[in-house]
């Protein structure tokens, strides 16, 4: 049963993400009765996940600040500040941040993919283990575990 969920910014989980970026878990399946997850990335130039496809959820990105290249089914597109892109499940896609810094809002529906981010990343409220990194092997393992397919390396 869905009900109100309210969390101030300081209550939202922050994960260490690719290339030292941060993914803030704004909403997850527990908060939305499995309907959607929302995350906000604070990332730097060059940040790029592997070329991948979702088998379970659709994805929406809104680039609040910055610029990026987006690949969808082997076509390249430019995304500028304020731009939005819808990525339906089952189609390979990826992005690469091209500005010095970027603020990227991501929504996935239904929820569930947050498990992949939590599995791959590191909760920033815990001590950072020596040598922590999000390896390609860890990303591939997390992707498989949570219904994603790594199609290739980052673009």
Protein backbone atom coordinates (compact mmCIF):
# COMPACT_ATOMS: atom_id res chain seq x y z
CA UNK A 1 0.00 0.00 0.00
CA UNK A 2 1.43 3.38 -1.01
CA UNK A 3 1.63 6.19 1.51
CA UNK A 4 3.43 9.45 2.06
CA UNK A 5 7.21 9.29 2.23
CA UNK A 6 9.16 12.38 3.19
CA UNK A 7 12.92 12.62 3.64
CA UNK A 8 14.99 15.76 3.93
CA UNK A 9 18.25 15.93 1.97
CA UNK A 10 20.38 14.99 4.99
CA UNK A 11 18.30 11.81 5.46
CA UNK A 12 18.88 10.51 1.92
CA UNK A 13 21.49 7.78 1.48
CA UNK A 14 24.60 8.82 -0.42
CA UNK A 15 26.66 6.27 -2.29
CA UNK A 16 30.17 6.68 -3.59
CA UNK A 17 29.85 6.10 -7.31
CA UNK A 18 31.98 5.81 -10.45
CA UNK A 19 35.11 7.97 -10.62
CA UNK A 20 34.52 9.40 -7.15
CA UNK A 21 31.05 10.75 -7.91
CA UNK A 22 28.09 10.60 -5.56
CA UNK A 23 24.70 9.00 -6.10
CA UNK A 24 22.04 10.20 -3.67
CA UNK A 25 19.14 7.77 -3.26
CA UNK A 26 16.22 10.19 -3.25
CA UNK A 27 13.49 7.51 -3.43
CA UNK A 28 13.68 3.73 -3.54
CA UNK A 29 11.24 0.85 -3.83
CA UNK A 30 10.67 0.75 -0.07
CA UNK A 31 9.50 4.38 -0.17
CA UNK A 32 7.34 4.01 -3.30
CA UNK A 33 5.82 0.56 -2.84
CA UNK A 34 8.04 -0.68 -5.67
CA UNK A 35 6.72 1.84 -8.18
CA UNK A 36 9.91 3.80 -8.88
CA UNK A 37 13.34 4.82 -7.70
CA UNK A 38 14.87 8.25 -8.02
CA UNK A 39 18.57 9.02 -7.74
CA UNK A 40 20.61 12.17 -8.15
CA UNK A 41 24.18 11.97 -9.44
CA UNK A 42 26.84 14.56 -8.61
CA UNK A 43 29.56 13.57 -11.05
CA UNK A 44 32.53 14.94 -12.96
CA UNK A 45 33.75 15.00 -16.54
CA UNK A 46 34.34 11.54 -18.00
CA UNK A 47 32.00 9.65 -15.64
CA UNK A 48 30.44 6.87 -17.72
CA UNK A 49 28.77 3.57 -16.89
CA UNK A 50 29.25 0.53 -19.13
CA UNK A 51 27.12 0.27 -22.28
CA UNK A 52 24.14 -1.69 -20.92
CA UNK A 53 20.46 -2.50 -21.16
CA UNK A 54 17.76 -2.86 -18.55
CA UNK A 55 15.50 -5.92 -18.67
CA UNK A 56 13.12 -4.82 -15.92
CA UNK A 57 12.74 -1.03 -15.86
CA UNK A 58 12.43 2.05 -18.02
CA UNK A 59 14.74 4.96 -17.22
CA UNK A 60 14.50 8.74 -17.43
CA UNK A 61 17.46 11.13 -17.06
CA UNK A 62 17.20 14.88 -16.59
CA UNK A 63 20.45 16.78 -16.79
CA UNK A 64 19.92 19.55 -14.24
CA UNK A 65 23.40 21.02 -14.79
CA UNK A 66 26.14 20.14 -17.23
CA UNK A 67 26.41 18.38 -20.57
CA UNK A 68 26.62 14.75 -21.64
CA UNK A 69 26.69 12.43 -24.60
CA UNK A 70 24.02 9.72 -24.62
CA UNK A 71 24.11 6.52 -26.64
CA UNK A 72 20.89 4.73 -27.40
CA UNK A 73 20.84 1.63 -29.58
CA UNK A 74 24.25 2.59 -31.06
CA UNK A 75 23.26 6.19 -31.93
CA UNK A 76 24.92 9.14 -30.22
CA UNK A 77 23.03 12.21 -28.96
CA UNK A 78 24.05 15.36 -27.11
CA UNK A 79 22.21 16.26 -23.92
CA UNK A 80 22.52 19.80 -22.62
CA UNK A 81 21.56 21.44 -19.35
CA UNK A 82 17.85 21.00 -18.65
CA UNK A 83 17.55 18.24 -21.24
CA UNK A 84 15.72 15.00 -20.59
CA UNK A 85 15.94 11.55 -22.17
CA UNK A 86 13.63 8.52 -21.87
CA UNK A 87 15.32 5.13 -22.20
CA UNK A 88 12.89 2.20 -22.55
CA UNK A 89 13.89 -1.18 -21.16
CA UNK A 90 15.41 -3.67 -23.55
CA UNK A 91 17.46 -1.12 -25.54
CA UNK A 92 21.22 -0.71 -25.01
CA UNK A 93 22.28 2.71 -23.77
CA UNK A 94 24.99 4.64 -21.94
CA UNK A 95 26.15 8.17 -21.29
CA UNK A 96 29.36 10.10 -20.68
CA UNK A 97 29.56 13.41 -18.82
CA UNK A 98 31.29 16.03 -21.01
CA UNK A 99 31.16 19.07 -18.69
CA UNK A 100 33.53 19.64 -15.74
CA UNK A 101 30.67 18.81 -13.29
CA UNK A 102 27.13 17.51 -13.75
CA UNK A 103 23.97 17.17 -11.69
CA UNK A 104 21.86 14.36 -13.15
CA UNK A 105 18.44 13.23 -11.93
CA UNK A 106 17.52 9.61 -12.75
CA UNK A 107 14.15 7.91 -12.39
CA UNK A 108 13.55 4.20 -12.98
CA UNK A 109 10.19 2.47 -13.04
CA UNK A 110 9.47 0.05 -11.58
CA UNK A 111 11.91 0.23 -8.65
CA UNK A 112 14.55 -2.41 -7.98
CA UNK A 113 17.64 -1.13 -9.75
CA UNK A 114 18.65 0.69 -6.57
CA UNK A 115 19.89 -2.71 -5.38
CA UNK A 116 22.46 -2.66 -8.17
CA UNK A 117 23.72 0.77 -7.15
CA UNK A 118 23.91 -0.21 -3.48
CA UNK A 119 25.69 -3.47 -4.37
CA UNK A 120 28.26 -1.74 -6.60
CA UNK A 121 28.72 1.52 -4.73
CA UNK A 122 29.63 2.34 -1.16
CA UNK A 123 27.44 3.96 1.47
CA UNK A 124 29.28 7.17 2.30
CA UNK A 125 28.08 7.06 5.93
CA UNK A 126 30.43 4.11 6.53
CA UNK A 127 34.24 4.19 6.66
CA UNK A 128 35.87 3.91 3.24
CA UNK A 129 37.81 0.64 2.92
CA UNK A 130 41.40 1.00 1.76
CA UNK A 131 41.61 0.74 -2.02
CA UNK A 132 37.85 0.84 -2.56
CA UNK A 133 36.86 1.07 -6.21
CA UNK A 134 33.91 0.10 -8.35
CA UNK A 135 35.56 -2.41 -10.65
CA UNK A 136 34.15 -3.52 -14.01
CA UNK A 137 33.82 -7.01 -12.51
CA UNK A 138 31.75 -5.72 -9.59
CA UNK A 139 29.56 -3.69 -11.99
CA UNK A 140 28.98 -6.75 -14.20
CA UNK A 141 28.13 -8.91 -11.17
CA UNK A 142 25.70 -6.28 -9.85
CA UNK A 143 24.12 -5.81 -13.28
CA UNK A 144 23.44 -9.52 -13.67
CA UNK A 145 22.09 -9.80 -10.13
CA UNK A 146 19.58 -6.95 -10.68
CA UNK A 147 18.34 -7.61 -14.22
CA UNK A 148 20.74 -5.62 -16.37
CA UNK A 149 23.00 -6.72 -19.17
CA UNK A 150 26.44 -5.18 -19.71
CA UNK A 151 26.74 -4.97 -23.49
CA UNK A 152 30.20 -3.38 -23.60
CA UNK A 153 32.67 -1.05 -21.96
CA UNK A 154 31.90 2.61 -21.25
CA UNK A 155 31.64 4.76 -24.36
